[in-house]
N, C-alpha and C. Protein backbone atom coordinates (compact mmCIF):
# COMPACT_ATOMS: atom_id res chain seq x y z
N MET A 1 177.72 -74.45 22.56
CA MET A 1 177.18 -75.75 22.27
C MET A 1 177.61 -76.76 23.32
N ARG A 2 178.86 -76.66 23.68
CA ARG A 2 179.41 -77.56 24.68
C ARG A 2 178.73 -77.35 26.03
N ALA A 3 178.46 -76.07 26.37
CA ALA A 3 177.81 -75.74 27.64
C ALA A 3 176.41 -76.32 27.69
N VAL A 4 175.70 -76.28 26.58
CA VAL A 4 174.34 -76.82 26.52
C VAL A 4 174.38 -78.33 26.74
N GLY A 5 175.35 -78.97 26.12
CA GLY A 5 175.49 -80.42 26.29
C GLY A 5 175.81 -80.78 27.73
N LEU A 6 176.69 -80.00 28.32
CA LEU A 6 177.06 -80.24 29.72
C LEU A 6 175.85 -80.04 30.63
N LEU A 7 175.07 -79.02 30.35
CA LEU A 7 173.88 -78.73 31.15
C LEU A 7 172.88 -79.88 31.04
N LEU A 8 172.69 -80.39 29.85
CA LEU A 8 171.78 -81.52 29.66
C LEU A 8 172.26 -82.75 30.44
N VAL A 9 173.57 -82.98 30.40
CA VAL A 9 174.13 -84.13 31.12
C VAL A 9 173.88 -83.99 32.62
N VAL A 10 174.12 -82.78 33.14
CA VAL A 10 173.93 -82.56 34.58
C VAL A 10 172.47 -82.73 34.96
N LEU A 11 171.55 -82.20 34.16
CA LEU A 11 170.13 -82.35 34.44
C LEU A 11 169.71 -83.81 34.40
N LEU A 12 170.19 -84.53 33.42
CA LEU A 12 169.86 -85.94 33.32
C LEU A 12 170.42 -86.72 34.50
N MET A 13 171.63 -86.35 34.92
CA MET A 13 172.22 -87.05 36.07
C MET A 13 171.37 -86.82 37.31
N GLY A 14 170.92 -85.60 37.49
CA GLY A 14 170.09 -85.30 38.65
C GLY A 14 168.79 -86.08 38.62
N ASP A 15 168.15 -86.14 37.44
CA ASP A 15 166.90 -86.89 37.32
C ASP A 15 167.13 -88.37 37.54
N MET A 16 168.20 -88.89 36.99
CA MET A 16 168.49 -90.32 37.14
C MET A 16 168.86 -90.64 38.59
N ALA A 17 169.58 -89.72 39.22
CA ALA A 17 169.95 -89.97 40.61
C ALA A 17 168.71 -90.01 41.48
N ARG A 18 167.77 -89.08 41.20
CA ARG A 18 166.53 -89.10 41.98
C ARG A 18 165.73 -90.36 41.69
N ALA A 19 165.76 -90.82 40.46
CA ALA A 19 165.01 -92.02 40.09
C ALA A 19 165.63 -93.25 40.72
N GLU A 20 166.96 -93.26 40.88
CA GLU A 20 167.64 -94.43 41.43
C GLU A 20 167.60 -94.48 42.94
N THR A 21 167.36 -93.35 43.58
CA THR A 21 167.39 -93.36 45.05
C THR A 21 166.14 -94.04 45.56
N PRO A 22 166.34 -95.01 46.42
CA PRO A 22 165.18 -95.72 46.96
C PRO A 22 164.47 -94.82 47.97
N ALA A 23 163.19 -95.01 48.06
CA ALA A 23 162.40 -94.22 49.00
C ALA A 23 162.44 -94.94 50.35
N SER A 24 163.62 -94.93 50.96
CA SER A 24 163.78 -95.61 52.25
C SER A 24 163.30 -94.70 53.36
N PRO A 25 162.75 -95.28 54.39
CA PRO A 25 162.30 -94.45 55.51
C PRO A 25 163.53 -93.82 56.19
N LEU A 26 163.39 -92.58 56.58
CA LEU A 26 164.50 -91.86 57.20
C LEU A 26 164.72 -92.37 58.62
N GLU A 27 165.99 -92.57 58.93
CA GLU A 27 166.34 -92.98 60.29
C GLU A 27 166.40 -91.73 61.14
N VAL A 28 165.51 -91.62 62.11
CA VAL A 28 165.49 -90.45 62.98
C VAL A 28 166.15 -90.85 64.30
N PRO A 29 167.26 -90.20 64.63
CA PRO A 29 167.95 -90.55 65.88
C PRO A 29 167.15 -90.06 67.09
N GLN A 30 167.39 -90.74 68.22
CA GLN A 30 166.68 -90.38 69.44
C GLN A 30 167.59 -89.73 70.47
N THR A 31 168.90 -89.85 70.27
CA THR A 31 169.85 -89.24 71.19
C THR A 31 170.94 -88.54 70.37
N LEU A 32 171.70 -87.69 71.05
CA LEU A 32 172.81 -87.01 70.36
C LEU A 32 173.87 -88.00 69.92
N GLU A 33 174.07 -89.07 70.70
CA GLU A 33 175.06 -90.07 70.34
C GLU A 33 174.64 -90.78 69.05
N GLU A 34 173.34 -91.12 68.97
CA GLU A 34 172.84 -91.76 67.74
C GLU A 34 172.99 -90.82 66.55
N ALA A 35 172.70 -89.54 66.76
CA ALA A 35 172.84 -88.56 65.68
C ALA A 35 174.29 -88.45 65.22
N LYS A 36 175.19 -88.45 66.18
CA LYS A 36 176.62 -88.36 65.84
C LYS A 36 177.06 -89.61 65.07
N ALA A 37 176.61 -90.76 65.53
CA ALA A 37 176.95 -92.01 64.84
C ALA A 37 176.36 -92.03 63.43
N GLN A 38 175.13 -91.54 63.28
CA GLN A 38 174.48 -91.51 61.98
C GLN A 38 175.23 -90.58 61.03
N ARG A 39 175.68 -89.44 61.53
CA ARG A 39 176.45 -88.53 60.69
C ARG A 39 177.79 -89.15 60.31
N ALA A 40 178.39 -89.89 61.23
CA ALA A 40 179.65 -90.57 60.92
C ALA A 40 179.44 -91.61 59.83
N ARG A 41 178.31 -92.36 59.90
CA ARG A 41 178.01 -93.35 58.85
C ARG A 41 177.83 -92.65 57.50
N ALA A 42 177.14 -91.52 57.50
CA ALA A 42 176.93 -90.78 56.26
C ALA A 42 178.27 -90.31 55.68
N GLU A 43 179.14 -89.84 56.54
CA GLU A 43 180.45 -89.39 56.08
C GLU A 43 181.26 -90.56 55.51
N SER A 44 181.18 -91.71 56.18
CA SER A 44 181.92 -92.87 55.66
C SER A 44 181.31 -93.33 54.33
N MET A 45 179.98 -93.18 54.17
CA MET A 45 179.35 -93.52 52.89
C MET A 45 179.86 -92.60 51.79
N ARG A 46 179.98 -91.30 52.09
CA ARG A 46 180.49 -90.35 51.10
C ARG A 46 181.93 -90.69 50.74
N THR A 47 182.73 -90.99 51.75
CA THR A 47 184.14 -91.32 51.51
C THR A 47 184.25 -92.58 50.66
N ALA A 48 183.43 -93.59 50.98
CA ALA A 48 183.44 -94.85 50.21
C ALA A 48 183.00 -94.58 48.78
N ALA A 49 181.99 -93.71 48.60
CA ALA A 49 181.51 -93.40 47.24
C ALA A 49 182.61 -92.73 46.43
N GLU A 50 183.33 -91.82 47.04
CA GLU A 50 184.43 -91.14 46.34
C GLU A 50 185.54 -92.13 45.99
N ARG A 51 185.87 -93.00 46.95
CA ARG A 51 186.93 -93.98 46.72
C ARG A 51 186.52 -94.94 45.59
N GLU A 52 185.27 -95.40 45.63
CA GLU A 52 184.76 -96.32 44.59
C GLU A 52 184.73 -95.61 43.24
N TYR A 53 184.35 -94.33 43.23
CA TYR A 53 184.31 -93.58 41.98
C TYR A 53 185.71 -93.48 41.37
N LYS A 54 186.70 -93.18 42.20
CA LYS A 54 188.07 -93.07 41.69
C LYS A 54 188.52 -94.41 41.10
N ALA A 55 188.18 -95.50 41.79
CA ALA A 55 188.57 -96.83 41.30
C ALA A 55 187.86 -97.13 39.97
N GLU A 56 186.56 -96.83 39.89
CA GLU A 56 185.81 -97.07 38.66
C GLU A 56 186.32 -96.20 37.53
N GLU A 57 186.66 -94.96 37.88
CA GLU A 57 187.17 -94.04 36.87
C GLU A 57 188.45 -94.60 36.25
N ASN A 58 189.32 -95.14 37.08
CA ASN A 58 190.56 -95.74 36.57
C ASN A 58 190.26 -96.96 35.70
N ARG A 59 189.26 -97.76 36.09
CA ARG A 59 188.89 -98.94 35.28
C ARG A 59 188.28 -98.51 33.95
N CYS A 60 187.51 -97.40 34.00
CA CYS A 60 186.83 -96.94 32.78
C CYS A 60 187.83 -96.55 31.69
N TYR A 61 188.96 -96.03 32.07
CA TYR A 61 189.93 -95.60 31.06
C TYR A 61 190.52 -96.79 30.30
N GLY A 62 190.31 -97.98 30.79
CA GLY A 62 190.78 -99.18 30.08
C GLY A 62 189.72 -99.74 29.15
N LYS A 63 188.51 -99.19 29.15
CA LYS A 63 187.42 -99.72 28.32
C LYS A 63 187.30 -98.91 27.03
N PHE A 64 186.52 -99.50 26.11
CA PHE A 64 186.33 -98.85 24.82
C PHE A 64 185.39 -97.65 24.94
N LEU A 65 184.27 -97.80 25.62
CA LEU A 65 183.29 -96.71 25.80
C LEU A 65 183.57 -95.99 27.12
N VAL A 66 184.60 -95.20 27.11
CA VAL A 66 185.07 -94.53 28.34
C VAL A 66 184.00 -93.59 28.89
N ASN A 67 183.41 -92.76 28.04
CA ASN A 67 182.45 -91.76 28.51
C ASN A 67 181.21 -92.40 29.13
N ASP A 68 180.70 -93.47 28.52
CA ASP A 68 179.53 -94.16 29.09
C ASP A 68 179.88 -94.75 30.45
N CYS A 69 181.06 -95.33 30.54
CA CYS A 69 181.51 -95.92 31.81
C CYS A 69 181.65 -94.84 32.89
N LEU A 70 182.28 -93.71 32.49
CA LEU A 70 182.45 -92.60 33.46
C LEU A 70 181.09 -92.05 33.89
N GLU A 71 180.17 -91.95 32.95
CA GLU A 71 178.83 -91.44 33.27
C GLU A 71 178.13 -92.36 34.27
N ALA A 72 178.24 -93.65 34.05
CA ALA A 72 177.61 -94.61 34.97
C ALA A 72 178.27 -94.53 36.34
N ALA A 73 179.58 -94.36 36.38
CA ALA A 73 180.29 -94.24 37.67
C ALA A 73 179.85 -92.97 38.40
N ARG A 74 179.69 -91.88 37.64
CA ARG A 74 179.23 -90.61 38.26
C ARG A 74 177.83 -90.77 38.83
N LYS A 75 176.99 -91.48 38.09
CA LYS A 75 175.61 -91.68 38.56
C LYS A 75 175.60 -92.49 39.86
N ARG A 76 176.43 -93.52 39.91
CA ARG A 76 176.48 -94.33 41.13
C ARG A 76 177.03 -93.49 42.30
N ARG A 77 178.06 -92.69 42.01
CA ARG A 77 178.62 -91.83 43.05
C ARG A 77 177.58 -90.82 43.53
N THR A 78 176.87 -90.21 42.60
CA THR A 78 175.84 -89.23 42.96
C THR A 78 174.75 -89.88 43.79
N ALA A 79 174.33 -91.09 43.38
CA ALA A 79 173.29 -91.80 44.14
C ALA A 79 173.77 -92.10 45.56
N ALA A 80 175.03 -92.50 45.70
CA ALA A 80 175.57 -92.82 47.03
C ALA A 80 175.65 -91.55 47.89
N ILE A 81 176.06 -90.45 47.26
CA ILE A 81 176.15 -89.19 48.01
C ILE A 81 174.76 -88.72 48.43
N VAL A 82 173.78 -88.86 47.55
CA VAL A 82 172.40 -88.49 47.90
C VAL A 82 171.90 -89.35 49.04
N GLU A 83 172.19 -90.64 48.98
CA GLU A 83 171.77 -91.55 50.06
C GLU A 83 172.44 -91.15 51.38
N ALA A 84 173.72 -90.80 51.31
CA ALA A 84 174.42 -90.36 52.52
C ALA A 84 173.80 -89.07 53.06
N ARG A 85 173.44 -88.18 52.17
CA ARG A 85 172.81 -86.92 52.58
C ARG A 85 171.46 -87.18 53.25
N GLN A 86 170.71 -88.13 52.67
CA GLN A 86 169.42 -88.48 53.25
C GLN A 86 169.57 -89.11 54.63
N LEU A 87 170.64 -89.86 54.81
CA LEU A 87 170.91 -90.46 56.12
C LEU A 87 171.35 -89.38 57.12
N GLU A 88 172.12 -88.42 56.62
CA GLU A 88 172.69 -87.39 57.50
C GLU A 88 171.66 -86.32 57.90
N GLN A 89 170.73 -86.00 57.03
CA GLN A 89 169.83 -84.88 57.28
C GLN A 89 169.01 -85.02 58.57
N PRO A 90 168.41 -86.18 58.85
CA PRO A 90 167.68 -86.29 60.12
C PRO A 90 168.60 -86.12 61.34
N ALA A 91 169.84 -86.58 61.20
CA ALA A 91 170.79 -86.42 62.31
C ALA A 91 171.10 -84.93 62.52
N ARG A 92 171.31 -84.22 61.42
CA ARG A 92 171.55 -82.77 61.52
C ARG A 92 170.35 -82.06 62.14
N ASP A 93 169.15 -82.44 61.67
CA ASP A 93 167.93 -81.82 62.20
C ASP A 93 167.79 -82.10 63.69
N PHE A 94 168.08 -83.35 64.09
CA PHE A 94 167.97 -83.70 65.51
C PHE A 94 168.97 -82.90 66.34
N GLU A 95 170.21 -82.79 65.86
CA GLU A 95 171.22 -82.02 66.60
C GLU A 95 170.83 -80.55 66.70
N ARG A 96 170.31 -80.00 65.60
CA ARG A 96 169.89 -78.59 65.61
C ARG A 96 168.75 -78.40 66.62
N GLN A 97 167.79 -79.32 66.60
CA GLN A 97 166.67 -79.23 67.54
C GLN A 97 167.15 -79.40 68.98
N ALA A 98 168.09 -80.30 69.19
CA ALA A 98 168.62 -80.51 70.55
C ALA A 98 169.34 -79.26 71.03
N ARG A 99 170.14 -78.63 70.16
CA ARG A 99 170.82 -77.38 70.54
C ARG A 99 169.80 -76.28 70.85
N HIS A 100 168.76 -76.23 70.03
CA HIS A 100 167.72 -75.22 70.24
C HIS A 100 167.01 -75.44 71.57
N GLN A 101 166.68 -76.70 71.87
CA GLN A 101 166.03 -77.01 73.15
C GLN A 101 166.96 -76.70 74.32
N GLU A 102 168.23 -77.01 74.17
CA GLU A 102 169.20 -76.73 75.23
C GLU A 102 169.30 -75.23 75.48
N LEU A 103 169.32 -74.48 74.39
CA LEU A 103 169.38 -73.02 74.51
C LEU A 103 168.13 -72.48 75.19
N GLU A 104 166.97 -73.00 74.79
CA GLU A 104 165.72 -72.56 75.43
C GLU A 104 165.71 -72.92 76.91
N ALA A 105 166.21 -74.11 77.25
CA ALA A 105 166.25 -74.52 78.66
C ALA A 105 167.17 -73.61 79.46
N ARG A 106 168.33 -73.25 78.86
CA ARG A 106 169.25 -72.35 79.56
C ARG A 106 168.61 -70.98 79.75
N GLU A 107 167.90 -70.51 78.72
CA GLU A 107 167.23 -69.21 78.84
C GLU A 107 166.17 -69.24 79.92
N LYS A 108 165.37 -70.32 79.96
CA LYS A 108 164.35 -70.45 81.00
C LYS A 108 164.99 -70.50 82.38
N GLN A 109 166.06 -71.28 82.49
CA GLN A 109 166.77 -71.38 83.77
C GLN A 109 167.34 -70.02 84.17
N GLY A 110 167.86 -69.30 83.18
CA GLY A 110 168.40 -67.97 83.44
C GLY A 110 167.33 -67.02 83.94
N LEU A 111 166.14 -67.10 83.31
CA LEU A 111 165.03 -66.26 83.76
C LEU A 111 164.57 -66.66 85.16
N ALA A 112 164.57 -67.96 85.43
CA ALA A 112 164.16 -68.43 86.76
C ALA A 112 165.18 -68.01 87.82
N ASP A 113 166.46 -68.01 87.45
CA ASP A 113 167.51 -67.67 88.40
C ASP A 113 167.74 -66.16 88.52
N GLN A 114 167.11 -65.39 87.65
CA GLN A 114 167.37 -63.95 87.63
C GLN A 114 167.06 -63.26 88.96
N PRO A 115 165.91 -63.52 89.62
CA PRO A 115 165.67 -62.84 90.91
C PRO A 115 166.74 -63.17 91.95
N GLN A 116 167.18 -64.42 91.97
CA GLN A 116 168.22 -64.80 92.93
C GLN A 116 169.53 -64.09 92.60
N ARG A 117 169.88 -64.02 91.30
CA ARG A 117 171.11 -63.32 90.91
C ARG A 117 171.03 -61.84 91.27
N GLU A 118 169.86 -61.24 91.04
CA GLU A 118 169.70 -59.83 91.38
C GLU A 118 169.83 -59.62 92.89
N ALA A 119 169.24 -60.54 93.68
CA ALA A 119 169.35 -60.42 95.14
C ALA A 119 170.81 -60.56 95.57
N GLU A 120 171.52 -61.52 94.98
CA GLU A 120 172.94 -61.69 95.31
C GLU A 120 173.74 -60.47 94.91
N GLN A 121 173.39 -59.89 93.77
CA GLN A 121 174.10 -58.70 93.31
C GLN A 121 173.84 -57.53 94.26
N ARG A 122 172.58 -57.37 94.70
CA ARG A 122 172.28 -56.31 95.67
C ARG A 122 173.04 -56.53 96.97
N GLU A 123 173.07 -57.79 97.41
CA GLU A 123 173.78 -58.12 98.65
C GLU A 123 175.27 -57.80 98.51
N ARG A 124 175.86 -58.17 97.37
CA ARG A 124 177.27 -57.86 97.15
C ARG A 124 177.50 -56.35 97.14
N GLY A 125 176.56 -55.62 96.53
CA GLY A 125 176.67 -54.17 96.49
C GLY A 125 176.61 -53.57 97.88
N GLU A 126 175.66 -54.06 98.68
CA GLU A 126 175.54 -53.55 100.05
C GLU A 126 176.78 -53.90 100.87
N ARG A 127 177.27 -55.12 100.69
CA ARG A 127 178.47 -55.53 101.40
C ARG A 127 179.67 -54.65 101.00
N TYR A 128 179.77 -54.39 99.72
CA TYR A 128 180.86 -53.54 99.23
C TYR A 128 180.76 -52.13 99.82
N ARG A 129 179.53 -51.58 99.79
CA ARG A 129 179.36 -50.24 100.35
C ARG A 129 179.68 -50.22 101.84
N ALA A 130 179.26 -51.27 102.57
CA ALA A 130 179.56 -51.35 104.01
C ALA A 130 181.07 -51.44 104.23
N GLU A 131 181.74 -52.25 103.41
CA GLU A 131 183.20 -52.36 103.54
C GLU A 131 183.88 -51.02 103.26
N GLN A 132 183.40 -50.32 102.23
CA GLN A 132 183.97 -49.03 101.90
C GLN A 132 183.73 -48.02 103.02
N ALA A 133 182.52 -48.06 103.61
CA ALA A 133 182.22 -47.15 104.72
C ALA A 133 183.11 -47.47 105.91
N ALA A 134 183.31 -48.77 106.19
CA ALA A 134 184.18 -49.17 107.31
C ALA A 134 185.62 -48.72 107.05
N LYS A 135 186.08 -48.87 105.82
CA LYS A 135 187.43 -48.43 105.48
C LYS A 135 187.56 -46.92 105.63
N ALA A 136 186.52 -46.19 105.19
CA ALA A 136 186.55 -44.73 105.32
C ALA A 136 186.57 -44.33 106.79
N ALA A 137 185.76 -45.01 107.61
CA ALA A 137 185.73 -44.71 109.04
C ALA A 137 187.09 -45.01 109.67
N GLU A 138 187.71 -46.09 109.26
CA GLU A 138 189.04 -46.46 109.78
C GLU A 138 190.07 -45.40 109.37
N ARG A 139 189.98 -44.95 108.12
CA ARG A 139 190.89 -43.89 107.67
C ARG A 139 190.69 -42.62 108.49
N GLU A 140 189.43 -42.26 108.73
CA GLU A 140 189.13 -41.06 109.53
C GLU A 140 189.67 -41.22 110.95
N ARG A 141 189.50 -42.43 111.53
CA ARG A 141 189.99 -42.67 112.89
C ARG A 141 191.51 -42.53 112.93
N LYS A 142 192.17 -43.12 111.92
CA LYS A 142 193.64 -43.02 111.88
C LYS A 142 194.09 -41.58 111.71
N LEU A 143 193.39 -40.83 110.85
CA LEU A 143 193.74 -39.42 110.67
C LEU A 143 193.53 -38.64 111.97
N ALA A 144 192.41 -38.94 112.68
CA ALA A 144 192.14 -38.26 113.95
C ALA A 144 193.22 -38.63 114.98
N ASP A 145 193.63 -39.92 115.00
CA ASP A 145 194.70 -40.34 115.93
C ASP A 145 196.00 -39.62 115.60
N LYS A 146 196.31 -39.53 114.32
CA LYS A 146 197.54 -38.83 113.92
C LYS A 146 197.47 -37.36 114.31
N ALA A 147 196.31 -36.74 114.10
CA ALA A 147 196.15 -35.32 114.46
C ALA A 147 196.30 -35.15 115.97
N ARG A 148 195.69 -36.07 116.75
CA ARG A 148 195.79 -36.00 118.21
C ARG A 148 197.23 -36.18 118.66
N GLN A 149 197.90 -37.18 118.06
CA GLN A 149 199.30 -37.42 118.42
C GLN A 149 200.17 -36.23 118.04
N ALA A 150 199.88 -35.63 116.89
CA ALA A 150 200.65 -34.45 116.48
C ALA A 150 200.42 -33.30 117.46
N GLU A 151 199.17 -33.12 117.89
CA GLU A 151 198.85 -32.04 118.84
C GLU A 151 199.54 -32.30 120.19
N GLU A 152 199.48 -33.57 120.61
CA GLU A 152 200.16 -33.92 121.87
C GLU A 152 201.66 -33.67 121.74
N GLY A 153 202.21 -34.03 120.59
CA GLY A 153 203.64 -33.80 120.36
C GLY A 153 203.97 -32.32 120.37
N ARG A 154 203.11 -31.51 119.73
CA ARG A 154 203.34 -30.05 119.74
C ARG A 154 203.26 -29.50 121.16
N GLN A 155 202.27 -29.98 121.92
CA GLN A 155 202.13 -29.50 123.30
C GLN A 155 203.33 -29.93 124.13
N LYS A 156 203.76 -31.18 123.95
CA LYS A 156 204.91 -31.68 124.70
C LYS A 156 206.16 -30.89 124.33
N THR A 157 206.33 -30.64 123.03
CA THR A 157 207.49 -29.87 122.57
C THR A 157 207.43 -28.45 123.12
N ALA A 158 206.23 -27.86 123.11
CA ALA A 158 206.08 -26.50 123.63
C ALA A 158 206.38 -26.47 125.13
N ALA A 159 205.90 -27.47 125.89
CA ALA A 159 206.15 -27.53 127.34
C ALA A 159 207.63 -27.74 127.60
N GLU A 160 208.25 -28.62 126.80
CA GLU A 160 209.68 -28.88 126.97
C GLU A 160 210.48 -27.63 126.63
N GLN A 161 210.05 -26.96 125.57
CA GLN A 161 210.75 -25.73 125.19
C GLN A 161 210.57 -24.66 126.28
N ALA A 162 209.38 -24.59 126.87
CA ALA A 162 209.14 -23.62 127.96
C ALA A 162 210.02 -23.97 129.15
N ARG A 163 210.16 -25.25 129.48
CA ARG A 163 211.03 -25.66 130.60
C ARG A 163 212.47 -25.28 130.30
N ARG A 164 212.90 -25.56 129.07
CA ARG A 164 214.28 -25.20 128.72
C ARG A 164 214.48 -23.69 128.81
N GLN A 165 213.48 -22.96 128.32
CA GLN A 165 213.58 -21.50 128.35
C GLN A 165 213.65 -21.02 129.80
N ALA A 166 212.82 -21.60 130.67
CA ALA A 166 212.82 -21.21 132.08
C ALA A 166 214.16 -21.57 132.71
N LYS A 167 214.67 -22.75 132.34
CA LYS A 167 215.96 -23.19 132.87
C LYS A 167 217.07 -22.26 132.39
N LEU A 168 217.01 -21.90 131.09
CA LEU A 168 218.00 -20.97 130.55
C LEU A 168 217.91 -19.61 131.23
N GLU A 169 216.68 -19.15 131.45
CA GLU A 169 216.51 -17.86 132.13
C GLU A 169 217.03 -17.93 133.56
N LYS A 170 216.76 -19.05 134.24
CA LYS A 170 217.22 -19.23 135.62
C LYS A 170 218.74 -19.25 135.64
N ARG A 171 219.34 -19.96 134.69
CA ARG A 171 220.79 -20.03 134.62
C ARG A 171 221.37 -18.65 134.30
N ALA A 172 220.68 -17.95 133.39
CA ALA A 172 221.16 -16.61 133.03
C ALA A 172 221.09 -15.70 134.25
N ARG A 173 220.04 -15.78 135.05
CA ARG A 173 219.95 -14.96 136.27
C ARG A 173 221.05 -15.34 137.25
N ALA A 174 221.25 -16.66 137.37
CA ALA A 174 222.29 -17.12 138.30
C ALA A 174 223.65 -16.64 137.81
N ASP A 175 223.88 -16.74 136.51
CA ASP A 175 225.15 -16.27 135.95
C ASP A 175 225.28 -14.76 136.16
N ALA A 176 224.19 -14.05 135.98
CA ALA A 176 224.22 -12.59 136.17
C ALA A 176 224.51 -12.27 137.62
N GLU A 177 223.92 -13.00 138.53
CA GLU A 177 224.15 -12.77 139.96
C GLU A 177 225.60 -13.09 140.30
N ARG A 178 226.13 -14.14 139.80
CA ARG A 178 227.52 -14.48 140.05
C ARG A 178 228.44 -13.43 139.47
N ALA A 179 228.12 -13.01 138.28
CA ALA A 179 228.93 -11.99 137.65
C ALA A 179 228.84 -10.70 138.45
N ALA A 180 227.66 -10.39 138.98
CA ALA A 180 227.50 -9.18 139.78
C ALA A 180 228.29 -9.31 141.07
N LYS A 181 228.36 -10.47 141.65
CA LYS A 181 229.11 -10.67 142.89
C LYS A 181 230.60 -10.53 142.62
N LYS A 182 231.05 -10.97 141.51
CA LYS A 182 232.47 -10.88 141.19
C LYS A 182 232.85 -9.43 140.97
N VAL A 183 232.02 -8.67 140.42
CA VAL A 183 232.31 -7.28 140.11
C VAL A 183 232.34 -6.46 141.40
N THR A 184 231.62 -6.76 142.36
CA THR A 184 231.62 -5.97 143.60
C THR A 184 232.95 -6.19 144.31
N PRO A 185 233.62 -5.09 144.78
CA PRO A 185 234.90 -5.19 145.48
C PRO A 185 234.70 -5.81 146.85
N GLN A 186 235.77 -6.33 147.41
CA GLN A 186 235.75 -7.00 148.70
C GLN A 186 235.39 -6.03 149.82
N GLY A 187 235.80 -4.81 149.66
CA GLY A 187 235.51 -3.84 150.70
C GLY A 187 234.06 -3.42 150.69
N ASP A 188 233.38 -3.65 149.68
CA ASP A 188 232.00 -3.20 149.59
C ASP A 188 231.07 -4.22 150.21
N LYS A 189 231.60 -5.17 150.85
CA LYS A 189 230.73 -6.20 151.39
C LYS A 189 229.89 -5.58 152.49
N PRO A 190 228.79 -6.02 152.69
CA PRO A 190 227.94 -5.47 153.72
C PRO A 190 228.53 -5.74 155.10
N ALA A 191 228.19 -4.91 156.02
CA ALA A 191 228.73 -4.97 157.38
C ALA A 191 228.31 -6.23 158.08
N ALA A 192 227.20 -6.74 157.78
CA ALA A 192 226.72 -7.93 158.46
C ALA A 192 227.65 -9.07 158.19
N SER A 193 228.23 -9.12 157.05
CA SER A 193 229.12 -10.23 156.75
C SER A 193 230.42 -10.08 157.47
N SER A 194 230.88 -8.86 157.79
CA SER A 194 232.14 -8.70 158.51
C SER A 194 231.96 -9.06 159.98
N LEU A 195 230.79 -9.06 160.48
CA LEU A 195 230.55 -9.42 161.87
C LEU A 195 230.73 -10.90 162.08
N ASN A 196 230.66 -11.63 161.10
CA ASN A 196 230.79 -13.08 161.25
C ASN A 196 232.14 -13.45 161.54
């Protein structure tokens, strides 16, 4: 029973609020700044309606017909909130339309810029591939230089080792000849040397 009564009260409040709202022409903003200002006014209207309702509610508790007073305060608050909503709605619509237009403009600009972006991307790709090819060629050159230097080093080492070996063999022959001369007795000297 209580729920039915509450439902009737809410329905009546809605009908009365619609009946009390003036059919004022909607303020349609022309710029985003106007829309923002209009939304701020609507918010301040809602805040003022709530503040006024709280004040009226406190005054109503001092009266004899508390419920009638509270009902009238609720109706005034509802009417103020509806008026604020009516003020805010065109601003919201304008902002939504402005965002939509901005998005469409960005999409159109993106489509217009797409061939240029693709060309720049191809150019960057070609530049990257050229840089990679140059780096690979440089690596190959360095590897070839290292291989050449290693081969030259091996040849130099082999030549140096051959010289040392020849020198060692020459020294060994000289040592062998000296050793052979020491082993031969003095009397065995050839006759030509005694003629001197």
